[in-house]
Amino acid sequence: MKLRFLLPLGAFLIMVVFLAIGLNLDPHEVPSPLIGKAAPAFTLPQLHEPQKTFSPADMKGKVWLLNVWASWCASCRQEHVFFTEFARANSSVNLIGLNYKDEPAAGMQWLAKLGNPYLLSISDNQGTAGLDWGVYGVPETFVIDKKGMIRYKQTGPVDLAILQTVIMPLLEKLNAEVNE
């Protein structure tokens, strides 16, 4: 008879433990299975010059950032201020924008209004490249090394602290590495 009451109590306690563990996780630390793997290939039109295309292969031998953004994204507007200042202070950093599930005209208007920190932006208005990169939503930012390997993924907006403590030290380390 006691077993009849202990079994549901045990199941309840196990669920409470899993809930407590889940509540202590940082939602911005979404693990990416792509870390340490080659950046997924794509060829997309450039936002401002659609007759020209961009592919991750174009950046081979360079360290670069891919920032996934959209004009309809409030968090993208929040981080855009930091990327604009970051690009101004670090003109040698290769910052590529991926305008995700957005109308190209809206993306261009947004950049014209808020400033354009990107070396170039590409248009993924169908979201197909974003799917290959494991994009959960916008904004997301990836750091890619000289060999084309994804070394870091930031889910959610980048802020000054993340730029200074995570992204810049990683960029410096990756740029210092000698091509093999």
C-alpha atoms as a PDB file:
ATOM      1  CA  MET A   1       0.000   0.000   0.000  1.00  0.00           C
ATOM      2  CA  LYS A   2       2.874   2.403   0.832  1.00  0.00           C
ATOM      3  CA  LEU A   3       4.405   1.767  -2.600  1.00  0.00           C
ATOM      4  CA  ARG A   4       1.251   3.141  -4.176  1.00  0.00           C
ATOM      5  CA  PHE A   5       1.942   6.531  -2.535  1.00  0.00           C
ATOM      6  CA  LEU A   6       5.749   6.509  -2.784  1.00  0.00           C
ATOM      7  CA  LEU A   7       5.876   5.985  -6.558  1.00  0.00           C
ATOM      8  CA  PRO A   8       3.995   9.216  -7.460  1.00  0.00           C
ATOM      9  CA  LEU A   9       5.955  11.120  -4.802  1.00  0.00           C
ATOM     10  CA  GLY A  10       9.253   9.844  -6.251  1.00  0.00           C
ATOM     11  CA  ALA A  11       8.198  10.812  -9.779  1.00  0.00           C
ATOM     12  CA  PHE A  12       7.184  14.276  -8.547  1.00  0.00           C
ATOM     13  CA  LEU A  13      10.545  14.789  -6.816  1.00  0.00           C
ATOM     14  CA  ILE A  14      12.429  13.803  -9.971  1.00  0.00           C
ATOM     15  CA  MET A  15      10.404  16.336 -11.985  1.00  0.00           C
ATOM     16  CA  VAL A  16      11.168  19.049  -9.403  1.00  0.00           C
ATOM     17  CA  VAL A  17      14.903  18.321  -9.719  1.00  0.00           C
ATOM     18  CA  PHE A  18      14.775  18.608 -13.530  1.00  0.00           C
ATOM     19  CA  LEU A  19      12.748  21.821 -13.276  1.00  0.00           C
ATOM     20  CA  ALA A  20      15.284  23.327 -10.850  1.00  0.00           C
ATOM     21  CA  ILE A  21      18.155  22.421 -13.187  1.00  0.00           C
ATOM     22  CA  GLY A  22      16.325  23.942 -16.166  1.00  0.00           C
ATOM     23  CA  LEU A  23      15.574  27.178 -14.331  1.00  0.00           C
ATOM     24  CA  ASN A  24      19.266  27.659 -13.572  1.00  0.00           C
ATOM     25  CA  LEU A  25      20.354  27.439 -17.220  1.00  0.00           C
ATOM     26  CA  ASP A  26      21.219  30.579 -19.199  1.00  0.00           C
ATOM     27  CA  PRO A  27      18.867  30.793 -22.210  1.00  0.00           C
ATOM     28  CA  HIS A  28      21.599  32.616 -24.191  1.00  0.00           C
ATOM     29  CA  GLU A  29      23.904  29.629 -23.892  1.00  0.00           C
ATOM     30  CA  VAL A  30      22.262  27.460 -26.492  1.00  0.00           C
ATOM     31  CA  PRO A  31      24.862  24.895 -27.492  1.00  0.00           C
ATOM     32  CA  SER A  32      25.570  24.694 -31.183  1.00  0.00           C
ATOM     33  CA  PRO A  33      26.526  21.408 -32.799  1.00  0.00           C
ATOM     34  CA  LEU A  34      28.421  23.489 -35.379  1.00  0.00           C
ATOM     35  CA  ILE A  35      31.153  24.692 -33.004  1.00  0.00           C
ATOM     36  CA  GLY A  36      34.432  23.232 -34.240  1.00  0.00           C
ATOM     37  CA  LYS A  37      32.920  22.277 -37.602  1.00  0.00           C
ATOM     38  CA  ALA A  38      33.182  23.856 -41.039  1.00  0.00           C
ATOM     39  CA  ALA A  39      30.865  26.764 -41.672  1.00  0.00           C
ATOM     40  CA  PRO A  40      27.935  25.614 -43.833  1.00  0.00           C
ATOM     41  CA  ALA A  41      28.283  26.611 -47.454  1.00  0.00           C
ATOM     42  CA  PHE A  42      25.852  28.949 -49.175  1.00  0.00           C
ATOM     43  CA  THR A  43      25.847  31.483 -51.949  1.00  0.00           C
ATOM     44  CA  LEU A  44      23.533  34.435 -51.391  1.00  0.00           C
ATOM     45  CA  PRO A  45      23.008  37.790 -53.082  1.00  0.00           C
ATOM     46  CA  GLN A  46      24.533  40.839 -51.465  1.00  0.00           C
ATOM     47  CA  LEU A  47      21.901  43.099 -49.954  1.00  0.00           C
ATOM     48  CA  HIS A  48      23.053  46.329 -51.615  1.00  0.00           C
ATOM     49  CA  GLU A  49      24.253  44.738 -54.865  1.00  0.00           C
ATOM     50  CA  PRO A  50      22.020  41.701 -55.571  1.00  0.00           C
ATOM     51  CA  GLN A  51      23.849  40.951 -58.809  1.00  0.00           C
ATOM     52  CA  LYS A  52      26.895  40.116 -56.666  1.00  0.00           C
ATOM     53  CA  THR A  53      26.979  37.097 -54.363  1.00  0.00           C
ATOM     54  CA  PHE A  54      28.777  36.109 -51.197  1.00  0.00           C
ATOM     55  CA  SER A  55      29.847  32.703 -49.935  1.00  0.00           C
ATOM     56  CA  PRO A  56      31.773  31.702 -46.787  1.00  0.00           C
ATOM     57  CA  ALA A  57      34.456  30.438 -49.183  1.00  0.00           C
ATOM     58  CA  ASP A  58      35.123  34.107 -50.038  1.00  0.00           C
ATOM     59  CA  MET A  59      36.478  34.568 -46.493  1.00  0.00           C
ATOM     60  CA  LYS A  60      38.861  31.584 -46.500  1.00  0.00           C
ATOM     61  CA  GLY A  61      42.118  32.600 -44.840  1.00  0.00           C
ATOM     62  CA  LYS A  62      40.420  35.383 -42.842  1.00  0.00           C
ATOM     63  CA  VAL A  63      38.856  35.526 -39.410  1.00  0.00           C
ATOM     64  CA  TRP A  64      35.334  36.905 -39.643  1.00  0.00           C
ATOM     65  CA  LEU A  65      32.048  37.433 -37.875  1.00  0.00           C
ATOM     66  CA  LEU A  66      28.641  36.561 -39.267  1.00  0.00           C
ATOM     67  CA  ASN A  67      25.892  38.582 -37.598  1.00  0.00           C
ATOM     68  CA  VAL A  68      22.353  37.363 -38.322  1.00  0.00           C
ATOM     69  CA  TRP A  69      19.900  40.280 -38.092  1.00  0.00           C
ATOM     70  CA  ALA A  70      16.562  41.563 -39.392  1.00  0.00           C
ATOM     71  CA  SER A  71      14.908  44.963 -39.620  1.00  0.00           C
ATOM     72  CA  TRP A  72      11.871  43.681 -37.700  1.00  0.00           C
ATOM     73  CA  CYS A  73      13.993  42.475 -34.749  1.00  0.00           C
ATOM     74  CA  ALA A  74      13.983  44.684 -31.627  1.00  0.00           C
ATOM     75  CA  SER A  75      17.030  42.927 -30.119  1.00  0.00           C
ATOM     76  CA  CYS A  76      18.934  43.491 -33.368  1.00  0.00           C
ATOM     77  CA  ARG A  77      18.391  47.231 -32.976  1.00  0.00           C
ATOM     78  CA  GLN A  78      19.716  46.957 -29.413  1.00  0.00           C
ATOM     79  CA  GLU A  79      22.960  45.227 -30.468  1.00  0.00           C
ATOM     80  CA  HIS A  80      23.367  47.294 -33.655  1.00  0.00           C
ATOM     81  CA  VAL A  81      24.650  50.239 -31.620  1.00  0.00           C
ATOM     82  CA  PHE A  82      27.472  48.059 -30.271  1.00  0.00           C
ATOM     83  CA  PHE A  83      28.356  46.628 -33.687  1.00  0.00           C
ATOM     84  CA  THR A  84      28.425  50.101 -35.229  1.00  0.00           C
ATOM     85  CA  GLU A  85      30.879  51.347 -32.600  1.00  0.00           C
ATOM     86  CA  PHE A  86      32.819  48.070 -32.744  1.00  0.00           C
ATOM     87  CA  ALA A  87      33.247  48.349 -36.528  1.00  0.00           C
ATOM     88  CA  ARG A  88      34.283  52.007 -36.252  1.00  0.00           C
ATOM     89  CA  ALA A  89      36.968  51.172 -33.639  1.00  0.00           C
ATOM     90  CA  ASN A  90      38.094  47.923 -35.317  1.00  0.00           C
ATOM     91  CA  SER A  91      38.101  48.631 -39.025  1.00  0.00           C
ATOM     92  CA  SER A  92      40.213  45.536 -39.730  1.00  0.00           C
ATOM     93  CA  VAL A  93      37.505  43.167 -38.432  1.00  0.00           C
ATOM     94  CA  ASN A  94      35.549  41.397 -41.152  1.00  0.00           C
ATOM     95  CA  LEU A  95      31.922  41.795 -40.051  1.00  0.00           C
ATOM     96  CA  ILE A  96      29.393  40.253 -42.444  1.00  0.00           C
ATOM     97  CA  GLY A  97      25.672  40.779 -41.946  1.00  0.00           C
ATOM     98  CA  LEU A  98      23.090  38.163 -42.852  1.00  0.00           C
ATOM     99  CA  ASN A  99      19.713  39.837 -43.277  1.00  0.00           C
ATOM    100  CA  TYR A 100      17.433  36.979 -42.203  1.00  0.00           C
ATOM    101  CA  LYS A 101      13.825  36.414 -43.326  1.00  0.00           C
ATOM    102  CA  ASP A 102      13.484  40.071 -44.229  1.00  0.00           C
ATOM    103  CA  GLU A 103      12.572  42.044 -47.306  1.00  0.00           C
ATOM    104  CA  PRO A 104      15.775  43.430 -48.866  1.00  0.00           C
ATOM    105  CA  ALA A 105      14.279  46.942 -49.134  1.00  0.00           C
ATOM    106  CA  ALA A 106      13.435  46.934 -45.418  1.00  0.00           C
ATOM    107  CA  GLY A 107      16.956  45.768 -44.556  1.00  0.00           C
ATOM    108  CA  MET A 108      18.570  48.467 -46.692  1.00  0.00           C
ATOM    109  CA  GLN A 109      16.310  51.138 -45.216  1.00  0.00           C
ATOM    110  CA  TRP A 110      17.152  49.958 -41.688  1.00  0.00           C
ATOM    111  CA  LEU A 111      20.906  50.160 -42.376  1.00  0.00           C
ATOM    112  CA  ALA A 112      20.540  53.582 -44.007  1.00  0.00           C
ATOM    113  CA  LYS A 113      18.727  54.860 -40.920  1.00  0.00           C
ATOM    114  CA  LEU A 114      20.857  53.231 -38.191  1.00  0.00           C
ATOM    115  CA  GLY A 115      24.252  53.044 -39.895  1.00  0.00           C
ATOM    116  CA  ASN A 116      25.973  50.177 -41.629  1.00  0.00           C
ATOM    117  CA  PRO A 117      28.736  48.481 -39.620  1.00  0.00           C
ATOM    118  CA  TYR A 118      29.095  45.598 -42.089  1.00  0.00           C
ATOM    119  CA  LEU A 119      31.776  44.966 -44.663  1.00  0.00           C
ATOM    120  CA  LEU A 120      28.773  43.702 -46.606  1.00  0.00           C
ATOM    121  CA  SER A 121      25.356  42.248 -45.904  1.00  0.00           C
ATOM    122  CA  ILE A 122      23.736  39.337 -47.652  1.00  0.00           C
ATOM    123  CA  SER A 123      20.064  38.619 -48.100  1.00  0.00           C
ATOM    124  CA  ASP A 124      18.545  35.362 -46.825  1.00  0.00           C
ATOM    125  CA  ASN A 125      14.893  36.369 -47.151  1.00  0.00           C
ATOM    126  CA  GLN A 126      13.728  32.723 -47.319  1.00  0.00           C
ATOM    127  CA  GLY A 127      15.824  31.706 -44.302  1.00  0.00           C
ATOM    128  CA  THR A 128      17.418  28.677 -45.987  1.00  0.00           C
ATOM    129  CA  ALA A 129      21.035  29.559 -45.130  1.00  0.00           C
ATOM    130  CA  GLY A 130      19.973  30.390 -41.588  1.00  0.00           C
ATOM    131  CA  LEU A 131      18.550  26.889 -41.206  1.00  0.00           C
ATOM    132  CA  ASP A 132      21.848  25.352 -42.309  1.00  0.00           C
ATOM    133  CA  TRP A 133      23.656  27.486 -39.718  1.00  0.00           C
ATOM    134  CA  GLY A 134      21.279  26.375 -36.969  1.00  0.00           C
ATOM    135  CA  VAL A 135      19.786  29.820 -36.443  1.00  0.00           C
ATOM    136  CA  TYR A 136      17.141  29.702 -33.702  1.00  0.00           C
ATOM    137  CA  GLY A 137      16.148  33.328 -34.093  1.00  0.00           C
ATOM    138  CA  VAL A 138      17.685  36.738 -34.472  1.00  0.00           C
ATOM    139  CA  PRO A 139      20.085  38.085 -33.529  1.00  0.00           C
ATOM    140  CA  GLU A 140      22.800  35.475 -33.573  1.00  0.00           C
ATOM    141  CA  THR A 141      26.508  35.981 -34.151  1.00  0.00           C
ATOM    142  CA  PHE A 142      29.159  33.494 -35.244  1.00  0.00           C
ATOM    143  CA  VAL A 143      32.959  33.746 -35.155  1.00  0.00           C
ATOM    144  CA  ILE A 144      34.634  31.865 -37.996  1.00  0.00           C
ATOM    145  CA  ASP A 145      38.384  31.185 -38.128  1.00  0.00           C
ATOM    146  CA  LYS A 146      40.846  31.313 -41.044  1.00  0.00           C
ATOM    147  CA  LYS A 147      40.123  27.691 -41.953  1.00  0.00           C
ATOM    148  CA  GLY A 148      36.386  28.334 -42.178  1.00  0.00           C
ATOM    149  CA  MET A 149      35.572  26.622 -38.864  1.00  0.00           C
ATOM    150  CA  ILE A 150      32.915  28.012 -36.541  1.00  0.00           C
ATOM    151  CA  ARG A 151      34.612  28.786 -33.241  1.00  0.00           C
ATOM    152  CA  TYR A 152      31.878  30.612 -31.303  1.00  0.00           C
ATOM    153  CA  LYS A 153      28.160  31.295 -31.447  1.00  0.00           C
ATOM    154  CA  GLN A 154      26.301  34.001 -29.535  1.00  0.00           C
ATOM    155  CA  THR A 155      22.566  33.450 -29.358  1.00  0.00           C
ATOM    156  CA  GLY A 156      20.781  36.678 -28.577  1.00  0.00           C
ATOM    157  CA  PRO A 157      22.063  40.232 -28.685  1.00  0.00           C
ATOM    158  CA  VAL A 158      25.741  41.056 -28.371  1.00  0.00           C
ATOM    159  CA  ASP A 159      26.525  43.781 -25.865  1.00  0.00           C
ATOM    160  CA  LEU A 160      29.673  45.659 -24.886  1.00  0.00           C
ATOM    161  CA  ALA A 161      30.629  43.091 -22.228  1.00  0.00           C
ATOM    162  CA  ILE A 162      30.379  40.186 -24.687  1.00  0.00           C
ATOM    163  CA  LEU A 163      32.382  42.112 -27.283  1.00  0.00           C
ATOM    164  CA  GLN A 164      35.121  42.980 -24.790  1.00  0.00           C
ATOM    165  CA  THR A 165      35.359  39.747 -22.813  1.00  0.00           C
ATOM    166  CA  VAL A 166      34.501  37.055 -25.357  1.00  0.00           C
ATOM    167  CA  ILE A 167      34.537  38.134 -29.008  1.00  0.00           C
ATOM    168  CA  MET A 168      37.548  40.503 -29.123  1.00  0.00           C
ATOM    169  CA  PRO A 169      39.898  38.151 -27.215  1.00  0.00           C
ATOM    170  CA  LEU A 170      38.821  35.281 -29.478  1.00  0.00           C
ATOM    171  CA  LEU A 171      39.345  37.385 -32.630  1.00  0.00           C
ATOM    172  CA  GLU A 172      42.817  38.399 -31.421  1.00  0.00           C
ATOM    173  CA  LYS A 173      43.709  34.774 -30.677  1.00  0.00           C
ATOM    174  CA  LEU A 174      42.422  33.526 -34.030  1.00  0.00           C
ATOM    175  CA  ASN A 175      44.151  36.314 -35.970  1.00  0.00           C
ATOM    176  CA  ALA A 176      47.429  35.492 -34.209  1.00  0.00           C
ATOM    177  CA  GLU A 177      47.258  31.847 -35.271  1.00  0.00           C
ATOM    178  CA  VAL A 178      49.462  31.011 -38.239  1.00  0.00           C
ATOM    179  CA  ASN A 179      47.830  29.392 -41.245  1.00  0.00           C
ATOM    180  CA  GLU A 180      48.893  25.787 -41.480  1.00  0.00           C
END
